[in-house]
Amino acid sequence: MAIPPAHARPMLHPLHAILLAFPLALFTAALLSDITYLNTAQIQWTNFSSWLIAGAELTGALVVLWALIALIRHRKGAASLRYLLYLAVVAVMWIAGLINAFQHSHDAWSSVGTFGLILSILSAILAWCAGLIGYSSYPLREVS
């Protein structure tokens, strides 16, 4: 039976965690908006998605920058691999969101379609993965 660590340190600085909450919520809302658009064909839903993705990209860029700085600050030690994984996930999330923003700039049905929906799903899943990595804690010392 494993003994839980006496002290655990959150991976993200509180302000970084707040910034990460925006892409997580906005990419998820954009995915739901895309699904609604595909079911109703009301063009306003794709407009909503475009704005949600733009907001996620704006705050996502700040998250990527902060993750890069955090990796540089923690480049030594056991947690460095975790910071590298986190940076990779948020960077791929941001790139997928950027391609998705370009896809949503098309006219009418081609703005979402299958490719746009796949990009929205990928962006949302990566945002949730970044949240799982970032919001979890890691022990300050090994417990034997």
N, C-alpha and C. Protein backbone atom coordinates (compact mmCIF):
# COMPACT_ATOMS: atom_id res chain seq x y z
N MET A 1 0.84 -1.17 0.00
CA MET A 1 0.00 0.00 0.00
C MET A 1 0.89 1.24 0.00
N ALA A 2 0.67 2.09 -0.96
CA ALA A 2 1.49 3.29 -1.09
C ALA A 2 1.00 4.37 -0.12
N ILE A 3 1.96 5.03 0.47
CA ILE A 3 1.65 6.12 1.38
C ILE A 3 1.65 7.42 0.56
N PRO A 4 0.58 8.22 0.65
CA PRO A 4 0.56 9.46 -0.12
C PRO A 4 1.64 10.42 0.38
N PRO A 5 2.19 11.23 -0.51
CA PRO A 5 3.24 12.16 -0.09
C PRO A 5 2.70 13.17 0.90
N ALA A 6 3.56 13.53 1.84
CA ALA A 6 3.16 14.48 2.87
C ALA A 6 2.93 15.86 2.28
N HIS A 7 3.73 16.21 1.30
CA HIS A 7 3.62 17.52 0.69
C HIS A 7 3.62 17.35 -0.82
N ALA A 8 2.72 18.02 -1.47
CA ALA A 8 2.68 17.98 -2.93
C ALA A 8 2.67 19.42 -3.44
N ARG A 9 3.33 19.62 -4.53
CA ARG A 9 3.44 20.96 -5.10
C ARG A 9 2.67 21.00 -6.41
N PRO A 10 1.78 21.97 -6.59
CA PRO A 10 1.10 22.08 -7.87
C PRO A 10 2.09 22.46 -8.96
N MET A 11 1.88 21.94 -10.14
CA MET A 11 2.81 22.19 -11.23
C MET A 11 2.71 23.63 -11.73
N LEU A 12 1.51 24.17 -11.82
CA LEU A 12 1.31 25.49 -12.41
C LEU A 12 1.23 26.58 -11.35
N HIS A 13 1.80 27.71 -11.69
CA HIS A 13 1.61 28.92 -10.89
C HIS A 13 0.13 29.27 -10.95
N PRO A 14 -0.47 29.83 -9.91
CA PRO A 14 -1.90 30.11 -9.93
C PRO A 14 -2.36 30.98 -11.12
N LEU A 15 -1.58 31.97 -11.51
CA LEU A 15 -1.96 32.79 -12.67
C LEU A 15 -1.88 31.99 -13.97
N HIS A 16 -0.90 31.12 -14.05
CA HIS A 16 -0.78 30.24 -15.21
C HIS A 16 -1.99 29.31 -15.28
N ALA A 17 -2.41 28.80 -14.14
CA ALA A 17 -3.58 27.92 -14.10
C ALA A 17 -4.84 28.66 -14.55
N ILE A 18 -4.97 29.91 -14.17
CA ILE A 18 -6.13 30.70 -14.61
C ILE A 18 -6.09 30.90 -16.12
N LEU A 19 -4.91 31.20 -16.66
CA LEU A 19 -4.78 31.37 -18.11
C LEU A 19 -5.12 30.08 -18.86
N LEU A 20 -4.70 28.93 -18.33
CA LEU A 20 -4.98 27.65 -18.97
C LEU A 20 -6.48 27.35 -18.98
N ALA A 21 -7.20 27.86 -18.00
CA ALA A 21 -8.64 27.61 -17.94
C ALA A 21 -9.37 28.20 -19.15
N PHE A 22 -8.86 29.29 -19.71
CA PHE A 22 -9.52 29.91 -20.85
C PHE A 22 -9.48 29.04 -22.10
N PRO A 23 -8.31 28.57 -22.57
CA PRO A 23 -8.35 27.69 -23.75
C PRO A 23 -9.13 26.40 -23.49
N LEU A 24 -9.04 25.89 -22.28
CA LEU A 24 -9.78 24.68 -21.95
C LEU A 24 -11.28 24.89 -22.15
N ALA A 25 -11.80 25.96 -21.61
CA ALA A 25 -13.24 26.24 -21.72
C ALA A 25 -13.62 26.69 -23.14
N LEU A 26 -12.80 27.53 -23.75
CA LEU A 26 -13.16 28.08 -25.05
C LEU A 26 -13.06 27.06 -26.18
N PHE A 27 -12.04 26.21 -26.16
CA PHE A 27 -11.96 25.16 -27.19
C PHE A 27 -13.10 24.15 -27.03
N THR A 28 -13.47 23.85 -25.79
CA THR A 28 -14.60 22.94 -25.56
C THR A 28 -15.90 23.58 -26.04
N ALA A 29 -16.10 24.86 -25.76
CA ALA A 29 -17.30 25.56 -26.22
C ALA A 29 -17.33 25.65 -27.74
N ALA A 30 -16.17 25.84 -28.37
CA ALA A 30 -16.11 25.89 -29.84
C ALA A 30 -16.49 24.53 -30.42
N LEU A 31 -16.05 23.46 -29.80
CA LEU A 31 -16.43 22.12 -30.26
C LEU A 31 -17.94 21.94 -30.18
N LEU A 32 -18.53 22.33 -29.06
CA LEU A 32 -19.99 22.21 -28.92
C LEU A 32 -20.71 23.09 -29.93
N SER A 33 -20.16 24.26 -30.21
CA SER A 33 -20.75 25.16 -31.20
C SER A 33 -20.65 24.56 -32.61
N ASP A 34 -19.54 23.91 -32.91
CA ASP A 34 -19.40 23.24 -34.21
C ASP A 34 -20.40 22.10 -34.37
N ILE A 35 -20.57 21.32 -33.32
CA ILE A 35 -21.54 20.22 -33.36
C ILE A 35 -22.94 20.77 -33.58
N THR A 36 -23.27 21.85 -32.89
CA THR A 36 -24.58 22.47 -33.07
C THR A 36 -24.75 22.99 -34.49
N TYR A 37 -23.70 23.59 -35.04
CA TYR A 37 -23.77 24.08 -36.43
C TYR A 37 -24.01 22.94 -37.40
N LEU A 38 -23.32 21.83 -37.22
CA LEU A 38 -23.49 20.69 -38.13
C LEU A 38 -24.89 20.09 -38.02
N ASN A 39 -25.53 20.24 -36.87
CA ASN A 39 -26.89 19.71 -36.69
C ASN A 39 -27.98 20.68 -37.13
N THR A 40 -27.70 21.99 -37.14
CA THR A 40 -28.75 22.96 -37.46
C THR A 40 -28.50 23.74 -38.74
N ALA A 41 -27.27 23.86 -39.18
CA ALA A 41 -26.88 24.65 -40.37
C ALA A 41 -27.19 26.14 -40.21
N GLN A 42 -27.31 26.62 -38.98
CA GLN A 42 -27.46 28.05 -38.73
C GLN A 42 -26.08 28.66 -38.70
N ILE A 43 -25.81 29.59 -39.62
CA ILE A 43 -24.47 30.12 -39.82
C ILE A 43 -23.92 30.82 -38.57
N GLN A 44 -24.78 31.31 -37.71
CA GLN A 44 -24.32 32.03 -36.52
C GLN A 44 -23.48 31.13 -35.61
N TRP A 45 -23.75 29.82 -35.62
CA TRP A 45 -22.98 28.91 -34.77
C TRP A 45 -21.52 28.84 -35.20
N THR A 46 -21.27 28.91 -36.49
CA THR A 46 -19.87 28.91 -36.93
C THR A 46 -19.20 30.25 -36.60
N ASN A 47 -19.98 31.33 -36.58
CA ASN A 47 -19.43 32.61 -36.13
C ASN A 47 -19.05 32.55 -34.65
N PHE A 48 -19.91 31.92 -33.85
CA PHE A 48 -19.59 31.74 -32.44
C PHE A 48 -18.30 30.94 -32.28
N SER A 49 -18.18 29.87 -33.06
CA SER A 49 -16.98 29.04 -32.99
C SER A 49 -15.74 29.84 -33.33
N SER A 50 -15.83 30.66 -34.36
CA SER A 50 -14.67 31.46 -34.77
C SER A 50 -14.21 32.38 -33.65
N TRP A 51 -15.15 33.01 -32.98
CA TRP A 51 -14.78 33.92 -31.88
C TRP A 51 -14.26 33.15 -30.67
N LEU A 52 -14.85 32.01 -30.39
CA LEU A 52 -14.36 31.19 -29.28
C LEU A 52 -12.94 30.69 -29.54
N ILE A 53 -12.68 30.29 -30.77
CA ILE A 53 -11.33 29.82 -31.13
C ILE A 53 -10.34 30.98 -31.06
N ALA A 54 -10.76 32.16 -31.51
CA ALA A 54 -9.86 33.33 -31.44
C ALA A 54 -9.50 33.65 -29.99
N GLY A 55 -10.46 33.59 -29.09
CA GLY A 55 -10.18 33.84 -27.68
C GLY A 55 -9.27 32.77 -27.09
N ALA A 56 -9.50 31.52 -27.48
CA ALA A 56 -8.65 30.43 -27.00
C ALA A 56 -7.23 30.58 -27.53
N GLU A 57 -7.09 31.04 -28.75
CA GLU A 57 -5.75 31.24 -29.33
C GLU A 57 -5.01 32.38 -28.63
N LEU A 58 -5.72 33.43 -28.32
CA LEU A 58 -5.09 34.57 -27.64
C LEU A 58 -4.54 34.17 -26.29
N THR A 59 -5.37 33.57 -25.48
CA THR A 59 -4.91 33.15 -24.15
C THR A 59 -3.99 31.93 -24.24
N GLY A 60 -4.20 31.10 -25.25
CA GLY A 60 -3.33 29.94 -25.45
C GLY A 60 -1.90 30.34 -25.76
N ALA A 61 -1.72 31.44 -26.48
CA ALA A 61 -0.37 31.93 -26.76
C ALA A 61 0.34 32.31 -25.47
N LEU A 62 -0.39 32.93 -24.55
CA LEU A 62 0.20 33.28 -23.26
C LEU A 62 0.53 32.03 -22.45
N VAL A 63 -0.31 31.01 -22.56
CA VAL A 63 -0.05 29.74 -21.85
C VAL A 63 1.21 29.08 -22.41
N VAL A 64 1.36 29.08 -23.73
CA VAL A 64 2.55 28.48 -24.34
C VAL A 64 3.81 29.23 -23.90
N LEU A 65 3.73 30.55 -23.90
CA LEU A 65 4.88 31.35 -23.47
C LEU A 65 5.23 31.06 -22.02
N TRP A 66 4.23 31.02 -21.15
CA TRP A 66 4.47 30.75 -19.74
C TRP A 66 5.01 29.33 -19.55
N ALA A 67 4.51 28.37 -20.33
CA ALA A 67 5.00 26.99 -20.23
C ALA A 67 6.47 26.90 -20.65
N LEU A 68 6.85 27.67 -21.66
CA LEU A 68 8.24 27.71 -22.09
C LEU A 68 9.13 28.28 -20.99
N ILE A 69 8.69 29.35 -20.36
CA ILE A 69 9.45 29.94 -19.26
C ILE A 69 9.53 28.97 -18.09
N ALA A 70 8.43 28.28 -17.78
CA ALA A 70 8.45 27.30 -16.68
C ALA A 70 9.41 26.16 -16.98
N LEU A 71 9.46 25.72 -18.24
CA LEU A 71 10.40 24.66 -18.60
C LEU A 71 11.84 25.12 -18.42
N ILE A 72 12.13 26.35 -18.83
CA ILE A 72 13.48 26.88 -18.67
C ILE A 72 13.85 26.99 -17.19
N ARG A 73 12.89 27.41 -16.37
CA ARG A 73 13.16 27.53 -14.93
C ARG A 73 13.34 26.18 -14.25
N HIS A 74 12.67 25.13 -14.75
CA HIS A 74 12.71 23.81 -14.10
C HIS A 74 13.41 22.79 -15.00
N ARG A 75 14.42 23.22 -15.73
CA ARG A 75 15.05 22.31 -16.69
C ARG A 75 15.89 21.23 -16.01
N LYS A 76 16.15 21.37 -14.74
CA LYS A 76 16.89 20.34 -14.01
C LYS A 76 15.97 19.73 -12.98
N GLY A 77 16.17 18.48 -12.74
CA GLY A 77 15.38 17.81 -11.72
C GLY A 77 14.40 16.82 -12.32
N ALA A 78 13.68 16.18 -11.44
CA ALA A 78 12.76 15.13 -11.86
C ALA A 78 11.55 15.67 -12.60
N ALA A 79 11.18 16.90 -12.35
CA ALA A 79 9.97 17.46 -12.95
C ALA A 79 10.20 18.00 -14.35
N SER A 80 11.44 18.04 -14.83
CA SER A 80 11.71 18.65 -16.13
C SER A 80 11.01 17.92 -17.28
N LEU A 81 10.93 16.60 -17.21
CA LEU A 81 10.23 15.83 -18.26
C LEU A 81 8.75 16.17 -18.28
N ARG A 82 8.20 16.38 -17.11
CA ARG A 82 6.78 16.73 -17.02
C ARG A 82 6.52 18.12 -17.61
N TYR A 83 7.40 19.06 -17.35
CA TYR A 83 7.26 20.40 -17.93
C TYR A 83 7.44 20.35 -19.45
N LEU A 84 8.33 19.50 -19.92
CA LEU A 84 8.53 19.35 -21.36
C LEU A 84 7.28 18.75 -22.01
N LEU A 85 6.71 17.74 -21.39
CA LEU A 85 5.47 17.14 -21.90
C LEU A 85 4.35 18.17 -21.92
N TYR A 86 4.23 18.95 -20.86
CA TYR A 86 3.20 19.98 -20.78
C TYR A 86 3.38 21.02 -21.89
N LEU A 87 4.62 21.47 -22.10
CA LEU A 87 4.90 22.43 -23.16
C LEU A 87 4.54 21.85 -24.52
N ALA A 88 4.88 20.59 -24.76
CA ALA A 88 4.56 19.96 -26.04
C ALA A 88 3.05 19.89 -26.26
N VAL A 89 2.30 19.54 -25.23
CA VAL A 89 0.85 19.43 -25.37
C VAL A 89 0.22 20.80 -25.64
N VAL A 90 0.62 21.83 -24.90
CA VAL A 90 0.01 23.15 -25.13
C VAL A 90 0.46 23.74 -26.46
N ALA A 91 1.67 23.44 -26.91
CA ALA A 91 2.12 23.94 -28.21
C ALA A 91 1.33 23.29 -29.34
N VAL A 92 1.13 21.97 -29.27
CA VAL A 92 0.35 21.29 -30.30
C VAL A 92 -1.11 21.74 -30.24
N MET A 93 -1.62 21.96 -29.03
CA MET A 93 -2.98 22.49 -28.88
C MET A 93 -3.11 23.83 -29.59
N TRP A 94 -2.14 24.71 -29.37
CA TRP A 94 -2.20 26.03 -29.97
C TRP A 94 -2.09 25.96 -31.50
N ILE A 95 -1.21 25.11 -32.01
CA ILE A 95 -1.05 24.97 -33.46
C ILE A 95 -2.32 24.38 -34.08
N ALA A 96 -2.90 23.37 -33.45
CA ALA A 96 -4.16 22.81 -33.96
C ALA A 96 -5.26 23.86 -33.93
N GLY A 97 -5.29 24.67 -32.89
CA GLY A 97 -6.27 25.75 -32.81
C GLY A 97 -6.06 26.80 -33.88
N LEU A 98 -4.81 27.09 -34.20
CA LEU A 98 -4.52 28.07 -35.26
C LEU A 98 -4.98 27.56 -36.62
N ILE A 99 -4.70 26.30 -36.91
CA ILE A 99 -5.18 25.72 -38.16
C ILE A 99 -6.70 25.70 -38.17
N ASN A 100 -7.30 25.43 -37.03
CA ASN A 100 -8.76 25.44 -36.91
C ASN A 100 -9.32 26.84 -37.15
N ALA A 101 -8.63 27.85 -36.66
CA ALA A 101 -9.08 29.24 -36.90
C ALA A 101 -9.04 29.56 -38.39
N PHE A 102 -8.00 29.11 -39.07
CA PHE A 102 -7.94 29.31 -40.53
C PHE A 102 -9.06 28.55 -41.23
N GLN A 103 -9.34 27.34 -40.76
CA GLN A 103 -10.42 26.54 -41.35
C GLN A 103 -11.77 27.24 -41.15
N HIS A 104 -11.98 27.82 -40.00
CA HIS A 104 -13.26 28.48 -39.72
C HIS A 104 -13.40 29.81 -40.46
N SER A 105 -12.34 30.28 -41.08
CA SER A 105 -12.44 31.52 -41.84
C SER A 105 -13.02 31.29 -43.24
N HIS A 106 -13.21 30.04 -43.62
CA HIS A 106 -13.84 29.74 -44.92
C HIS A 106 -15.32 30.10 -44.89
N ASP A 107 -15.93 30.09 -46.06
CA ASP A 107 -17.35 30.43 -46.16
C ASP A 107 -18.22 29.20 -45.94
N ALA A 108 -19.37 29.45 -45.34
CA ALA A 108 -20.49 28.51 -45.21
C ALA A 108 -20.07 27.14 -44.72
N TRP A 109 -20.57 26.07 -45.36
CA TRP A 109 -20.41 24.71 -44.87
C TRP A 109 -18.96 24.29 -44.79
N SER A 110 -18.11 24.81 -45.67
CA SER A 110 -16.70 24.41 -45.66
C SER A 110 -15.96 24.96 -44.44
N SER A 111 -16.57 25.87 -43.70
CA SER A 111 -15.89 26.42 -42.52
C SER A 111 -15.75 25.38 -41.42
N VAL A 112 -16.70 24.49 -41.31
CA VAL A 112 -16.60 23.46 -40.28
C VAL A 112 -16.36 22.12 -40.96
N GLY A 113 -17.38 21.52 -41.52
CA GLY A 113 -17.22 20.24 -42.21
C GLY A 113 -16.52 19.22 -41.34
N THR A 114 -16.00 18.18 -41.96
CA THR A 114 -15.33 17.11 -41.23
C THR A 114 -13.98 17.57 -40.68
N PHE A 115 -13.20 18.27 -41.52
CA PHE A 115 -11.87 18.68 -41.10
C PHE A 115 -11.94 19.68 -39.94
N GLY A 116 -12.85 20.64 -40.01
CA GLY A 116 -13.01 21.60 -38.93
C GLY A 116 -13.46 20.94 -37.63
N LEU A 117 -14.34 19.96 -37.75
CA LEU A 117 -14.80 19.25 -36.56
C LEU A 117 -13.66 18.44 -35.94
N ILE A 118 -12.86 17.79 -36.78
CA ILE A 118 -11.73 17.02 -36.27
C ILE A 118 -10.74 17.94 -35.57
N LEU A 119 -10.47 19.11 -36.14
CA LEU A 119 -9.57 20.07 -35.50
C LEU A 119 -10.14 20.58 -34.18
N SER A 120 -11.44 20.79 -34.13
CA SER A 120 -12.07 21.22 -32.87
C SER A 120 -11.97 20.14 -31.81
N ILE A 121 -12.19 18.90 -32.21
CA ILE A 121 -12.07 17.78 -31.27
C ILE A 121 -10.63 17.67 -30.77
N LEU A 122 -9.68 17.76 -31.69
CA LEU A 122 -8.26 17.67 -31.32
C LEU A 122 -7.86 18.80 -30.37
N SER A 123 -8.27 20.01 -30.68
CA SER A 123 -7.94 21.16 -29.83
C SER A 123 -8.52 20.99 -28.43
N ALA A 124 -9.78 20.56 -28.35
CA ALA A 124 -10.43 20.38 -27.05
C ALA A 124 -9.77 19.26 -26.25
N ILE A 125 -9.46 18.14 -26.91
CA ILE A 125 -8.82 17.03 -26.21
C ILE A 125 -7.45 17.43 -25.69
N LEU A 126 -6.68 18.14 -26.52
CA LEU A 126 -5.35 18.58 -26.08
C LEU A 126 -5.45 19.59 -24.94
N ALA A 127 -6.47 20.45 -24.97
CA ALA A 127 -6.65 21.39 -23.86
C ALA A 127 -6.97 20.64 -22.57
N TRP A 128 -7.80 19.61 -22.67
CA TRP A 128 -8.12 18.81 -21.48
C TRP A 128 -6.89 18.04 -20.99
N CYS A 129 -6.08 17.52 -21.91
CA CYS A 129 -4.85 16.84 -21.52
C CYS A 129 -3.89 17.81 -20.83
N ALA A 130 -3.77 19.01 -21.37
CA ALA A 130 -2.91 20.02 -20.74
C ALA A 130 -3.42 20.34 -19.34
N GLY A 131 -4.73 20.40 -19.19
CA GLY A 131 -5.31 20.64 -17.87
C GLY A 131 -5.01 19.51 -16.90
N LEU A 132 -5.10 18.27 -17.38
CA LEU A 132 -4.79 17.12 -16.51
C LEU A 132 -3.33 17.15 -16.08
N ILE A 133 -2.44 17.48 -16.99
CA ILE A 133 -1.02 17.54 -16.64
C ILE A 133 -0.76 18.74 -15.72
N GLY A 134 -1.28 19.89 -16.10
CA GLY A 134 -0.96 21.12 -15.38
C GLY A 134 -1.60 21.25 -14.02
N TYR A 135 -2.83 20.79 -13.86
CA TYR A 135 -3.52 20.96 -12.60
C TYR A 135 -3.19 19.88 -11.58
N SER A 136 -2.50 18.82 -12.01
CA SER A 136 -2.14 17.78 -11.06
C SER A 136 -0.92 18.22 -10.25
N SER A 137 -0.68 17.52 -9.18
CA SER A 137 0.45 17.84 -8.29
C SER A 137 1.49 16.76 -8.41
N TYR A 138 2.68 17.08 -7.99
CA TYR A 138 3.73 16.07 -7.93
C TYR A 138 4.40 16.17 -6.58
N PRO A 139 4.88 15.05 -6.06
CA PRO A 139 5.48 15.05 -4.73
C PRO A 139 6.81 15.80 -4.73
N LEU A 140 7.11 16.46 -3.62
CA LEU A 140 8.38 17.15 -3.48
C LEU A 140 9.51 16.18 -3.18
N ARG A 141 9.18 15.03 -2.62
CA ARG A 141 10.21 14.04 -2.33
C ARG A 141 9.61 12.65 -2.54
N GLU A 142 10.47 11.69 -2.73
CA GLU A 142 10.03 10.31 -2.90
C GLU A 142 9.59 9.74 -1.57
N VAL A 143 8.55 8.97 -1.58
CA VAL A 143 8.07 8.30 -0.40
C VAL A 143 8.33 6.81 -0.58
N SER A 144 9.02 6.22 0.36
CA SER A 144 9.34 4.78 0.20
C SER A 144 8.53 3.94 1.14
